[in-house]
Amino acid sequence: MVGMRTSTRTGAGMAVAAMLFVQLGLAASIGLFDRLGPEGAAWLRLAWAGVLLLVIVRPRRSWFTRSSLLAGIALGIVTAGLTMLFMAAAARLPLGTASALEFLGPLSVAAWRGRGLARLWVLPAAVGVLLLTEPWHGTVDPVGVAYALGAAGCWAAYILLTQQVGDELSGIRGLAVSMPVAALTATAIAGPAAIGALTWELVLVGLGLALLVPVIPFALEMLALRRLSAAAFGTLMSLEPAIALIIGLVVLHQVPGAWPVLGLLCVVIAGIGAERSGARPAPVNQPDSQPESWPEEAPAPALSPPALGGPGGPADSAGTLAP
């Protein structure tokens, strides 16, 4: 019993550390906006992440069916949209506000999966959005809000596509397709403008950011998932908007008002409630395609956030990516 409690505490600590790394990586990325712009900063992270995942996973064509390959490609395109839209939102909104608005994507998916009263969790989320944006003051950048909501839509699509990939592939094989595709998509959109501004210093900074998000969080989350239940992991991950607010305050000196703080709490509470009531059952027949060099993870919950966007972590049998 003592050993089980210790393992649970260790897993919780790893999950919280993963969220801290994600938000620190995002805060550090904001420092590149003046030199590369938000799209260029997102492209640099995605490009390095794609290279790192190719080196780590070393994909083989025999691993994939036609449907899983196409789903992986679609997932990569959505991942690029998620990352670039969130970075554009973070350039215009406080990090906590952007993260909370983006979190509406997975929250909506989890609430939609619920039944009856479980779907009512969208109501505190809606109240949270109003308090975060304070439309009666007109001080929040509407373009930033639009970008954040676009990222939320991409995150919802990301979850659904990852379910399709995760139903056919376990472990991290799905990332071997989605991350390089995300890198190529971002290169087509932002690469031509950003490449000219690159220096060797920025290239090395981009590598460091890619390690912060997603490599280190990915490793921590994979270990945490082996120690925590899916519900416990998802509940912890619902706290990420609050961690984003704290990182924004401490690192970026973004001081929130009372109403946005209350709105963020509403979103977090809605996320915890939706996660508890909206879990998707694991598919019955999933092929045994786990690489021998990686341990098999426990299923990740529906709200598990992608570490590349505002948040990718391991594709699992529950069909999510745990960033």
C-alpha atoms as a PDB file:
ATOM      1  CA  MET A   1       0.000   0.000   0.000  1.00  0.00           C
ATOM      2  CA  VAL A   2       2.814   2.410   0.874  1.00  0.00           C
ATOM      3  CA  GLY A   3       4.574   1.530  -2.362  1.00  0.00           C
ATOM      4  CA  MET A   4       1.383   2.209  -4.343  1.00  0.00           C
ATOM      5  CA  ARG A   5       0.952   5.623  -2.701  1.00  0.00           C
ATOM      6  CA  THR A   6       4.577   6.456  -3.437  1.00  0.00           C
ATOM      7  CA  SER A   7       4.148   5.429  -7.069  1.00  0.00           C
ATOM      8  CA  THR A   8       1.015   7.585  -7.355  1.00  0.00           C
ATOM      9  CA  ARG A   9       2.775  10.602  -5.858  1.00  0.00           C
ATOM     10  CA  THR A  10       5.700  10.067  -8.211  1.00  0.00           C
ATOM     11  CA  GLY A  11       3.367   9.848 -11.199  1.00  0.00           C
ATOM     12  CA  ALA A  12       1.527  13.005 -10.135  1.00  0.00           C
ATOM     13  CA  GLY A  13       4.834  14.811  -9.734  1.00  0.00           C
ATOM     14  CA  MET A  14       5.898  13.720 -13.225  1.00  0.00           C
ATOM     15  CA  ALA A  15       2.602  14.897 -14.739  1.00  0.00           C
ATOM     16  CA  VAL A  16       2.893  18.308 -13.066  1.00  0.00           C
ATOM     17  CA  ALA A  17       6.561  18.570 -14.125  1.00  0.00           C
ATOM     18  CA  ALA A  18       5.527  17.798 -17.714  1.00  0.00           C
ATOM     19  CA  MET A  19       2.982  20.635 -17.660  1.00  0.00           C
ATOM     20  CA  LEU A  20       5.595  22.982 -16.223  1.00  0.00           C
ATOM     21  CA  PHE A  21       8.022  22.106 -19.012  1.00  0.00           C
ATOM     22  CA  VAL A  22       5.295  22.683 -21.621  1.00  0.00           C
ATOM     23  CA  GLN A  23       4.382  26.105 -20.288  1.00  0.00           C
ATOM     24  CA  LEU A  24       8.009  27.117 -19.747  1.00  0.00           C
ATOM     25  CA  GLY A  25       8.722  26.106 -23.331  1.00  0.00           C
ATOM     26  CA  LEU A  26       5.795  28.203 -24.545  1.00  0.00           C
ATOM     27  CA  ALA A  27       6.904  31.180 -22.442  1.00  0.00           C
ATOM     28  CA  ALA A  28      10.431  30.845 -23.843  1.00  0.00           C
ATOM     29  CA  SER A  29       9.032  30.650 -27.382  1.00  0.00           C
ATOM     30  CA  ILE A  30       7.350  34.013 -26.879  1.00  0.00           C
ATOM     31  CA  GLY A  31      10.838  35.472 -26.533  1.00  0.00           C
ATOM     32  CA  LEU A  32      11.444  34.631 -30.207  1.00  0.00           C
ATOM     33  CA  PHE A  33       8.481  36.624 -31.491  1.00  0.00           C
ATOM     34  CA  ASP A  34      10.483  39.804 -32.019  1.00  0.00           C
ATOM     35  CA  ARG A  35      13.018  37.965 -34.201  1.00  0.00           C
ATOM     36  CA  LEU A  36      10.928  35.342 -35.994  1.00  0.00           C
ATOM     37  CA  GLY A  37       7.312  36.280 -35.330  1.00  0.00           C
ATOM     38  CA  PRO A  38       4.839  33.841 -33.728  1.00  0.00           C
ATOM     39  CA  GLU A  39       4.527  31.767 -36.897  1.00  0.00           C
ATOM     40  CA  GLY A  40       8.306  31.540 -37.264  1.00  0.00           C
ATOM     41  CA  ALA A  41       8.750  30.552 -33.620  1.00  0.00           C
ATOM     42  CA  ALA A  42       6.129  27.814 -34.046  1.00  0.00           C
ATOM     43  CA  TRP A  43       7.808  26.631 -37.242  1.00  0.00           C
ATOM     44  CA  LEU A  44      11.243  26.385 -35.582  1.00  0.00           C
ATOM     45  CA  ARG A  45       9.880  24.226 -32.758  1.00  0.00           C
ATOM     46  CA  LEU A  46       7.903  22.001 -35.109  1.00  0.00           C
ATOM     47  CA  ALA A  47      10.835  21.573 -37.481  1.00  0.00           C
ATOM     48  CA  TRP A  48      13.140  20.374 -34.717  1.00  0.00           C
ATOM     49  CA  ALA A  49      10.390  18.206 -33.193  1.00  0.00           C
ATOM     50  CA  GLY A  50       9.873  16.501 -36.557  1.00  0.00           C
ATOM     51  CA  VAL A  51      13.599  15.798 -36.889  1.00  0.00           C
ATOM     52  CA  LEU A  52      13.892  14.519 -33.306  1.00  0.00           C
ATOM     53  CA  LEU A  53      10.907  12.178 -33.671  1.00  0.00           C
ATOM     54  CA  LEU A  54      12.277  10.766 -36.925  1.00  0.00           C
ATOM     55  CA  VAL A  55      15.612  10.067 -35.228  1.00  0.00           C
ATOM     56  CA  ILE A  56      14.045   8.590 -32.092  1.00  0.00           C
ATOM     57  CA  VAL A  57      11.346   6.430 -33.700  1.00  0.00           C
ATOM     58  CA  ARG A  58      12.947   5.583 -37.086  1.00  0.00           C
ATOM     59  CA  PRO A  59       9.624   4.697 -38.770  1.00  0.00           C
ATOM     60  CA  ARG A  60       9.159   1.845 -41.219  1.00  0.00           C
ATOM     61  CA  ARG A  61       6.542   1.680 -43.950  1.00  0.00           C
ATOM     62  CA  SER A  62       5.510  -1.800 -42.808  1.00  0.00           C
ATOM     63  CA  TRP A  63       4.200  -0.368 -39.523  1.00  0.00           C
ATOM     64  CA  PHE A  64       1.328   1.480 -41.192  1.00  0.00           C
ATOM     65  CA  THR A  65      -1.855   0.590 -42.987  1.00  0.00           C
ATOM     66  CA  ARG A  66      -3.174   2.975 -45.611  1.00  0.00           C
ATOM     67  CA  SER A  67      -5.823   4.312 -43.218  1.00  0.00           C
ATOM     68  CA  SER A  68      -3.412   4.846 -40.314  1.00  0.00           C
ATOM     69  CA  LEU A  69      -0.925   6.572 -42.618  1.00  0.00           C
ATOM     70  CA  LEU A  70      -3.572   8.936 -43.995  1.00  0.00           C
ATOM     71  CA  ALA A  71      -4.851   9.625 -40.478  1.00  0.00           C
ATOM     72  CA  GLY A  72      -1.290  10.346 -39.351  1.00  0.00           C
ATOM     73  CA  ILE A  73      -0.839  12.828 -42.207  1.00  0.00           C
ATOM     74  CA  ALA A  74      -4.124  14.565 -41.336  1.00  0.00           C
ATOM     75  CA  LEU A  75      -3.060  14.612 -37.689  1.00  0.00           C
ATOM     76  CA  GLY A  76       0.206  16.297 -38.637  1.00  0.00           C
ATOM     77  CA  ILE A  77      -1.621  19.040 -40.551  1.00  0.00           C
ATOM     78  CA  VAL A  78      -3.932  19.642 -37.593  1.00  0.00           C
ATOM     79  CA  THR A  79      -0.942  19.661 -35.208  1.00  0.00           C
ATOM     80  CA  ALA A  80       0.693  22.398 -37.276  1.00  0.00           C
ATOM     81  CA  GLY A  81      -2.532  24.420 -37.214  1.00  0.00           C
ATOM     82  CA  LEU A  82      -2.893  23.931 -33.466  1.00  0.00           C
ATOM     83  CA  THR A  83       0.678  25.028 -32.759  1.00  0.00           C
ATOM     84  CA  MET A  84       0.733  28.026 -35.069  1.00  0.00           C
ATOM     85  CA  LEU A  85      -2.697  29.315 -34.068  1.00  0.00           C
ATOM     86  CA  PHE A  86      -1.859  29.022 -30.374  1.00  0.00           C
ATOM     87  CA  MET A  87       1.428  30.871 -30.818  1.00  0.00           C
ATOM     88  CA  ALA A  88      -0.405  33.619 -32.697  1.00  0.00           C
ATOM     89  CA  ALA A  89      -2.906  33.808 -29.812  1.00  0.00           C
ATOM     90  CA  ALA A  90      -0.108  33.933 -27.233  1.00  0.00           C
ATOM     91  CA  ALA A  91       1.370  36.927 -29.069  1.00  0.00           C
ATOM     92  CA  ARG A  92      -1.854  38.856 -28.410  1.00  0.00           C
ATOM     93  CA  LEU A  93      -3.248  37.430 -25.158  1.00  0.00           C
ATOM     94  CA  PRO A  94      -1.857  36.560 -21.725  1.00  0.00           C
ATOM     95  CA  LEU A  95      -0.573  32.979 -21.663  1.00  0.00           C
ATOM     96  CA  GLY A  96      -3.189  31.852 -19.111  1.00  0.00           C
ATOM     97  CA  THR A  97      -6.067  33.314 -21.129  1.00  0.00           C
ATOM     98  CA  ALA A  98      -4.844  31.788 -24.393  1.00  0.00           C
ATOM     99  CA  SER A  99      -4.357  28.398 -22.721  1.00  0.00           C
ATOM    100  CA  ALA A 100      -7.807  28.440 -21.112  1.00  0.00           C
ATOM    101  CA  LEU A 101      -9.528  29.366 -24.391  1.00  0.00           C
ATOM    102  CA  GLU A 102      -7.590  26.675 -26.252  1.00  0.00           C
ATOM    103  CA  PHE A 103      -8.607  24.157 -23.589  1.00  0.00           C
ATOM    104  CA  LEU A 104     -12.232  24.543 -24.690  1.00  0.00           C
ATOM    105  CA  GLY A 105     -11.439  22.162 -27.573  1.00  0.00           C
ATOM    106  CA  PRO A 106     -10.750  18.998 -25.561  1.00  0.00           C
ATOM    107  CA  LEU A 107     -13.269  20.057 -22.934  1.00  0.00           C
ATOM    108  CA  SER A 108     -15.997  20.170 -25.592  1.00  0.00           C
ATOM    109  CA  VAL A 109     -15.029  16.727 -26.877  1.00  0.00           C
ATOM    110  CA  ALA A 110     -15.116  15.252 -23.366  1.00  0.00           C
ATOM    111  CA  ALA A 111     -18.454  16.904 -22.551  1.00  0.00           C
ATOM    112  CA  TRP A 112     -19.931  15.706 -25.860  1.00  0.00           C
ATOM    113  CA  ARG A 113     -18.933  12.137 -24.982  1.00  0.00           C
ATOM    114  CA  GLY A 114     -20.744  12.405 -21.672  1.00  0.00           C
ATOM    115  CA  ARG A 115     -24.400  11.649 -21.192  1.00  0.00           C
ATOM    116  CA  GLY A 116     -27.252  13.588 -19.634  1.00  0.00           C
ATOM    117  CA  LEU A 117     -26.088  15.985 -16.949  1.00  0.00           C
ATOM    118  CA  ALA A 118     -22.452  15.364 -17.866  1.00  0.00           C
ATOM    119  CA  ARG A 119     -22.911  17.646 -20.868  1.00  0.00           C
ATOM    120  CA  LEU A 120     -23.815  20.538 -18.592  1.00  0.00           C
ATOM    121  CA  TRP A 121     -20.118  21.090 -17.923  1.00  0.00           C
ATOM    122  CA  VAL A 122     -20.116  23.314 -21.014  1.00  0.00           C
ATOM    123  CA  LEU A 123     -22.048  25.913 -18.986  1.00  0.00           C
ATOM    124  CA  PRO A 124     -19.289  26.783 -16.466  1.00  0.00           C
ATOM    125  CA  ALA A 125     -16.879  26.685 -19.405  1.00  0.00           C
ATOM    126  CA  ALA A 126     -18.997  29.278 -21.230  1.00  0.00           C
ATOM    127  CA  VAL A 127     -19.110  31.442 -18.103  1.00  0.00           C
ATOM    128  CA  GLY A 128     -15.343  31.091 -17.887  1.00  0.00           C
ATOM    129  CA  VAL A 129     -14.926  32.337 -21.469  1.00  0.00           C
ATOM    130  CA  LEU A 130     -17.018  35.428 -20.725  1.00  0.00           C
ATOM    131  CA  LEU A 131     -15.005  36.196 -17.589  1.00  0.00           C
ATOM    132  CA  LEU A 132     -11.695  35.608 -19.386  1.00  0.00           C
ATOM    133  CA  THR A 133     -12.492  37.878 -22.310  1.00  0.00           C
ATOM    134  CA  GLU A 134     -14.545  40.516 -20.409  1.00  0.00           C
ATOM    135  CA  PRO A 135     -16.441  41.688 -23.497  1.00  0.00           C
ATOM    136  CA  TRP A 136     -18.081  44.470 -21.440  1.00  0.00           C
ATOM    137  CA  HIS A 137     -14.657  46.157 -21.201  1.00  0.00           C
ATOM    138  CA  GLY A 138     -13.549  45.545 -24.784  1.00  0.00           C
ATOM    139  CA  THR A 139      -9.906  45.289 -23.700  1.00  0.00           C
ATOM    140  CA  VAL A 140      -9.113  41.770 -24.958  1.00  0.00           C
ATOM    141  CA  ASP A 141      -7.725  41.522 -28.487  1.00  0.00           C
ATOM    142  CA  PRO A 142     -10.552  39.933 -30.548  1.00  0.00           C
ATOM    143  CA  VAL A 143      -8.055  38.639 -33.131  1.00  0.00           C
ATOM    144  CA  GLY A 144      -6.140  36.878 -30.341  1.00  0.00           C
ATOM    145  CA  VAL A 145      -9.392  35.351 -29.076  1.00  0.00           C
ATOM    146  CA  ALA A 146     -10.201  34.164 -32.612  1.00  0.00           C
ATOM    147  CA  TYR A 147      -6.758  32.555 -32.896  1.00  0.00           C
ATOM    148  CA  ALA A 148      -7.185  30.838 -29.515  1.00  0.00           C
ATOM    149  CA  LEU A 149     -10.627  29.515 -30.467  1.00  0.00           C
ATOM    150  CA  GLY A 150      -9.187  28.323 -33.780  1.00  0.00           C
ATOM    151  CA  ALA A 151      -6.530  26.461 -31.785  1.00  0.00           C
ATOM    152  CA  ALA A 152      -9.330  24.976 -29.648  1.00  0.00           C
ATOM    153  CA  GLY A 153     -11.037  23.678 -32.777  1.00  0.00           C
ATOM    154  CA  CYS A 154      -7.760  22.186 -33.980  1.00  0.00           C
ATOM    155  CA  TRP A 155      -7.260  20.536 -30.588  1.00  0.00           C
ATOM    156  CA  ALA A 156     -10.711  18.924 -30.816  1.00  0.00           C
ATOM    157  CA  ALA A 157      -9.881  17.617 -34.306  1.00  0.00           C
ATOM    158  CA  TYR A 158      -6.479  16.528 -32.999  1.00  0.00           C
ATOM    159  CA  ILE A 159      -8.123  14.337 -30.358  1.00  0.00           C
ATOM    160  CA  LEU A 160     -10.510  12.713 -32.826  1.00  0.00           C
ATOM    161  CA  LEU A 161      -7.764  12.039 -35.375  1.00  0.00           C
ATOM    162  CA  THR A 162      -5.450  10.690 -32.696  1.00  0.00           C
ATOM    163  CA  GLN A 163      -8.166   8.253 -31.681  1.00  0.00           C
ATOM    164  CA  GLN A 164      -8.128   6.869 -35.208  1.00  0.00           C
ATOM    165  CA  VAL A 165      -4.339   6.612 -35.203  1.00  0.00           C
ATOM    166  CA  GLY A 166      -4.268   5.203 -31.665  1.00  0.00           C
ATOM    167  CA  ASP A 167      -6.844   2.541 -32.511  1.00  0.00           C
ATOM    168  CA  GLU A 168      -4.418   1.091 -35.073  1.00  0.00           C
ATOM    169  CA  LEU A 169      -1.028   1.983 -33.594  1.00  0.00           C
ATOM    170  CA  SER A 170       0.232   1.934 -30.030  1.00  0.00           C
ATOM    171  CA  GLY A 171       3.273   3.570 -28.537  1.00  0.00           C
ATOM    172  CA  ILE A 172       4.748   6.509 -30.432  1.00  0.00           C
ATOM    173  CA  ARG A 173       4.620   5.244 -34.000  1.00  0.00           C
ATOM    174  CA  GLY A 174       1.865   7.676 -34.934  1.00  0.00           C
ATOM    175  CA  LEU A 175       4.171  10.549 -34.008  1.00  0.00           C
ATOM    176  CA  ALA A 176       6.720   9.337 -36.554  1.00  0.00           C
ATOM    177  CA  VAL A 177       4.251  10.433 -39.251  1.00  0.00           C
ATOM    178  CA  SER A 178       2.383  13.338 -37.651  1.00  0.00           C
ATOM    179  CA  MET A 179       5.381  15.313 -36.383  1.00  0.00           C
ATOM    180  CA  PRO A 180       7.334  15.363 -39.672  1.00  0.00           C
ATOM    181  CA  VAL A 181       4.114  16.249 -41.535  1.00  0.00           C
ATOM    182  CA  ALA A 182       3.477  19.060 -39.029  1.00  0.00           C
ATOM    183  CA  ALA A 183       7.028  20.289 -39.600  1.00  0.00           C
ATOM    184  CA  LEU A 184       6.581  20.248 -43.396  1.00  0.00           C
ATOM    185  CA  THR A 185       3.199  22.013 -43.134  1.00  0.00           C
ATOM    186  CA  ALA A 186       4.660  24.743 -40.933  1.00  0.00           C
ATOM    187  CA  THR A 187       7.628  25.055 -43.281  1.00  0.00           C
ATOM    188  CA  ALA A 188       5.307  25.643 -46.247  1.00  0.00           C
ATOM    189  CA  ILE A 189       3.412  28.342 -44.308  1.00  0.00           C
ATOM    190  CA  ALA A 190       6.072  30.146 -42.277  1.00  0.00           C
ATOM    191  CA  GLY A 191       9.404  28.742 -43.430  1.00  0.00           C
ATOM    192  CA  PRO A 192      10.073  31.082 -46.396  1.00  0.00           C
ATOM    193  CA  ALA A 193       9.702  34.182 -44.209  1.00  0.00           C
ATOM    194  CA  ALA A 194      11.489  32.780 -41.155  1.00  0.00           C
ATOM    195  CA  ILE A 195      14.472  31.038 -42.754  1.00  0.00           C
ATOM    196  CA  GLY A 196      16.011  34.334 -43.810  1.00  0.00           C
ATOM    197  CA  ALA A 197      16.033  35.536 -40.192  1.00  0.00           C
ATOM    198  CA  LEU A 198      17.687  32.407 -38.806  1.00  0.00           C
ATOM    199  CA  THR A 199      21.079  32.496 -37.139  1.00  0.00           C
ATOM    200  CA  TRP A 200      23.053  29.630 -35.620  1.00  0.00           C
ATOM    201  CA  GLU A 201      22.050  30.956 -32.221  1.00  0.00           C
ATOM    202  CA  LEU A 202      18.350  30.719 -33.116  1.00  0.00           C
ATOM    203  CA  VAL A 203      18.822  27.232 -34.554  1.00  0.00           C
ATOM    204  CA  LEU A 204      20.298  26.056 -31.249  1.00  0.00           C
ATOM    205  CA  VAL A 205      17.579  27.851 -29.283  1.00  0.00           C
ATOM    206  CA  GLY A 206      14.998  26.038 -31.412  1.00  0.00           C
ATOM    207  CA  LEU A 207      16.601  22.709 -30.566  1.00  0.00           C
ATOM    208  CA  GLY A 208      16.434  23.546 -26.869  1.00  0.00           C
ATOM    209  CA  LEU A 209      12.770  24.529 -27.177  1.00  0.00           C
ATOM    210  CA  ALA A 210      11.969  21.290 -28.991  1.00  0.00           C
ATOM    211  CA  LEU A 211      13.533  19.406 -26.070  1.00  0.00           C
ATOM    212  CA  LEU A 212      11.417  21.438 -23.627  1.00  0.00           C
ATOM    213  CA  VAL A 213       8.327  20.816 -25.763  1.00  0.00           C
ATOM    214  CA  PRO A 214       7.704  17.967 -26.567  1.00  0.00           C
ATOM    215  CA  VAL A 215      10.620  15.614 -25.832  1.00  0.00           C
ATOM    216  CA  ILE A 216      11.012  16.045 -22.051  1.00  0.00           C
ATOM    217  CA  PRO A 217       7.248  16.341 -21.345  1.00  0.00           C
ATOM    218  CA  PHE A 218       6.646  13.320 -23.570  1.00  0.00           C
ATOM    219  CA  ALA A 219       9.065  11.193 -21.526  1.00  0.00           C
ATOM    220  CA  LEU A 220       7.638  12.424 -18.219  1.00  0.00           C
ATOM    221  CA  GLU A 221       4.050  11.802 -19.285  1.00  0.00           C
ATOM    222  CA  MET A 222       4.799   8.319 -20.556  1.00  0.00           C
ATOM    223  CA  LEU A 223       6.293   7.474 -17.156  1.00  0.00           C
ATOM    224  CA  ALA A 224       3.413   9.179 -15.322  1.00  0.00           C
ATOM    225  CA  LEU A 225       0.828   7.199 -17.300  1.00  0.00           C
ATOM    226  CA  ARG A 226       2.381   3.981 -15.994  1.00  0.00           C
ATOM    227  CA  ARG A 227       1.774   5.122 -12.410  1.00  0.00           C
ATOM    228  CA  LEU A 228      -1.610   6.876 -12.601  1.00  0.00           C
ATOM    229  CA  SER A 229      -5.095   5.924 -13.679  1.00  0.00           C
ATOM    230  CA  ALA A 230      -6.477   7.613 -16.789  1.00  0.00           C
ATOM    231  CA  ALA A 231      -8.970   9.610 -14.687  1.00  0.00           C
ATOM    232  CA  ALA A 232      -6.266  10.826 -12.282  1.00  0.00           C
ATOM    233  CA  PHE A 233      -3.981  11.801 -15.157  1.00  0.00           C
ATOM    234  CA  GLY A 234      -6.761  13.647 -16.978  1.00  0.00           C
ATOM    235  CA  THR A 235      -7.781  15.501 -13.820  1.00  0.00           C
ATOM    236  CA  LEU A 236      -4.218  16.663 -13.297  1.00  0.00           C
ATOM    237  CA  MET A 237      -3.931  17.761 -16.928  1.00  0.00           C
ATOM    238  CA  SER A 238      -7.096  19.836 -16.527  1.00  0.00           C
ATOM    239  CA  LEU A 239      -5.017  22.093 -14.292  1.00  0.00           C
ATOM    240  CA  GLU A 240      -2.792  23.178 -17.184  1.00  0.00           C
ATOM    241  CA  PRO A 241      -4.560  26.523 -17.832  1.00  0.00           C
ATOM    242  CA  ALA A 242      -3.925  27.424 -14.175  1.00  0.00           C
ATOM    243  CA  ILE A 243      -0.252  26.490 -14.543  1.00  0.00           C
ATOM    244  CA  ALA A 244      -0.117  28.621 -17.699  1.00  0.00           C
ATOM    245  CA  LEU A 245      -1.468  31.573 -15.702  1.00  0.00           C
ATOM    246  CA  ILE A 246       1.213  31.077 -13.027  1.00  0.00           C
ATOM    247  CA  ILE A 247       4.021  30.795 -15.603  1.00  0.00           C
ATOM    248  CA  GLY A 248       2.686  33.888 -17.360  1.00  0.00           C
ATOM    249  CA  LEU A 249       2.721  35.772 -14.066  1.00  0.00           C
ATOM    250  CA  VAL A 250       6.169  34.628 -12.881  1.00  0.00           C
ATOM    251  CA  VAL A 251       8.091  34.430 -16.169  1.00  0.00           C
ATOM    252  CA  LEU A 252       6.319  36.921 -18.432  1.00  0.00           C
ATOM    253  CA  HIS A 253       5.031  39.287 -15.698  1.00  0.00           C
ATOM    254  CA  GLN A 254       1.475  39.049 -17.034  1.00  0.00           C
ATOM    255  CA  VAL A 255      -0.678  40.092 -14.069  1.00  0.00           C
ATOM    256  CA  PRO A 256      -4.273  38.860 -14.480  1.00  0.00           C
ATOM    257  CA  GLY A 257      -7.326  40.674 -13.189  1.00  0.00           C
ATOM    258  CA  ALA A 258      -9.816  39.181 -10.752  1.00  0.00           C
ATOM    259  CA  TRP A 259     -12.431  38.300 -13.390  1.00  0.00           C
ATOM    260  CA  PRO A 260     -10.010  36.441 -15.694  1.00  0.00           C
ATOM    261  CA  VAL A 261      -8.718  34.448 -12.712  1.00  0.00           C
ATOM    262  CA  LEU A 262     -12.289  33.481 -11.817  1.00  0.00           C
ATOM    263  CA  GLY A 263     -12.977  32.616 -15.459  1.00  0.00           C
ATOM    264  CA  LEU A 264      -9.915  30.413 -15.637  1.00  0.00           C
ATOM    265  CA  LEU A 265     -11.065  28.567 -12.504  1.00  0.00           C
ATOM    266  CA  CYS A 266     -14.447  27.976 -14.162  1.00  0.00           C
ATOM    267  CA  VAL A 267     -12.714  26.424 -17.182  1.00  0.00           C
ATOM    268  CA  VAL A 268     -10.511  24.245 -14.963  1.00  0.00           C
ATOM    269  CA  ILE A 269     -13.512  23.027 -12.922  1.00  0.00           C
ATOM    270  CA  ALA A 270     -15.431  22.296 -16.137  1.00  0.00           C
ATOM    271  CA  GLY A 271     -12.417  20.386 -17.474  1.00  0.00           C
ATOM    272  CA  ILE A 272     -12.155  18.238 -14.357  1.00  0.00           C
ATOM    273  CA  GLY A 273     -15.891  17.494 -14.414  1.00  0.00           C
ATOM    274  CA  ALA A 274     -15.947  16.718 -18.143  1.00  0.00           C
ATOM    275  CA  GLU A 275     -12.902  14.460 -17.831  1.00  0.00           C
ATOM    276  CA  ARG A 276     -14.510  12.491 -15.016  1.00  0.00           C
ATOM    277  CA  SER A 277     -17.705  11.933 -17.003  1.00  0.00           C
ATOM    278  CA  GLY A 278     -16.550  11.892 -20.629  1.00  0.00           C
ATOM    279  CA  ALA A 279     -13.911   9.195 -20.922  1.00  0.00           C
ATOM    280  CA  ARG A 280     -13.879   7.142 -24.103  1.00  0.00           C
ATOM    281  CA  PRO A 281     -13.619   3.365 -23.647  1.00  0.00           C
ATOM    282  CA  ALA A 282     -10.505   1.813 -25.113  1.00  0.00           C
ATOM    283  CA  PRO A 283     -11.027  -0.046 -28.394  1.00  0.00           C
ATOM    284  CA  VAL A 284     -11.471  -3.782 -28.041  1.00  0.00           C
ATOM    285  CA  ASN A 285      -9.251  -4.882 -30.902  1.00  0.00           C
ATOM    286  CA  GLN A 286      -6.019  -2.948 -31.155  1.00  0.00           C
ATOM    287  CA  PRO A 287      -3.082  -4.480 -32.990  1.00  0.00           C
ATOM    288  CA  ASP A 288      -0.009  -5.289 -31.015  1.00  0.00           C
ATOM    289  CA  SER A 289       2.309  -2.814 -32.693  1.00  0.00           C
ATOM    290  CA  GLN A 290       4.318  -1.490 -29.765  1.00  0.00           C
ATOM    291  CA  PRO A 291       8.033  -1.066 -30.518  1.00  0.00           C
ATOM    292  CA  GLU A 292      10.106  -3.387 -28.387  1.00  0.00           C
ATOM    293  CA  SER A 293      12.314  -0.548 -27.199  1.00  0.00           C
ATOM    294  CA  TRP A 294       9.420   1.339 -25.603  1.00  0.00           C
ATOM    295  CA  PRO A 295       7.343   0.150 -22.612  1.00  0.00           C
ATOM    296  CA  GLU A 296       3.618  -0.032 -23.122  1.00  0.00           C
ATOM    297  CA  GLU A 297       1.801   2.884 -21.561  1.00  0.00           C
ATOM    298  CA  ALA A 298      -1.443   3.042 -19.693  1.00  0.00           C
ATOM    299  CA  PRO A 299      -4.313   4.611 -21.634  1.00  0.00           C
ATOM    300  CA  ALA A 300      -4.341   8.390 -21.609  1.00  0.00           C
ATOM    301  CA  PRO A 301      -7.542  10.306 -20.857  1.00  0.00           C
ATOM    302  CA  ALA A 302      -9.670  12.305 -23.239  1.00  0.00           C
ATOM    303  CA  LEU A 303      -8.425  15.715 -22.146  1.00  0.00           C
ATOM    304  CA  SER A 304      -4.737  14.875 -22.392  1.00  0.00           C
ATOM    305  CA  PRO A 305      -3.182  17.904 -24.088  1.00  0.00           C
ATOM    306  CA  PRO A 306      -0.688  17.917 -26.930  1.00  0.00           C
ATOM    307  CA  ALA A 307       2.693  19.097 -25.796  1.00  0.00           C
ATOM    308  CA  LEU A 308       3.381  20.843 -29.080  1.00  0.00           C
ATOM    309  CA  GLY A 309       0.460  23.187 -29.217  1.00  0.00           C
ATOM    310  CA  GLY A 310      -0.405  25.201 -26.301  1.00  0.00           C
ATOM    311  CA  PRO A 311       0.396  23.228 -25.797  1.00  0.00           C
ATOM    312  CA  GLY A 312       2.249  15.599 -28.485  1.00  0.00           C
ATOM    313  CA  GLY A 313       3.026  12.858 -26.291  1.00  0.00           C
ATOM    314  CA  PRO A 314       2.532   9.151 -26.768  1.00  0.00           C
ATOM    315  CA  ALA A 315      -0.296   7.909 -28.943  1.00  0.00           C
ATOM    316  CA  ASP A 316      -2.069   5.325 -26.889  1.00  0.00           C
ATOM    317  CA  SER A 317      -4.895   2.844 -26.938  1.00  0.00           C
ATOM    318  CA  ALA A 318      -7.376   5.430 -25.714  1.00  0.00           C
ATOM    319  CA  GLY A 319      -6.706   7.392 -28.852  1.00  0.00           C
ATOM    320  CA  THR A 320      -5.192  10.575 -27.423  1.00  0.00           C
ATOM    321  CA  LEU A 321      -1.819  12.190 -27.401  1.00  0.00           C
ATOM    322  CA  ALA A 322      -0.538  12.800 -23.934  1.00  0.00           C
ATOM    323  CA  PRO A 323       1.490  16.267 -24.028  1.00  0.00           C
END
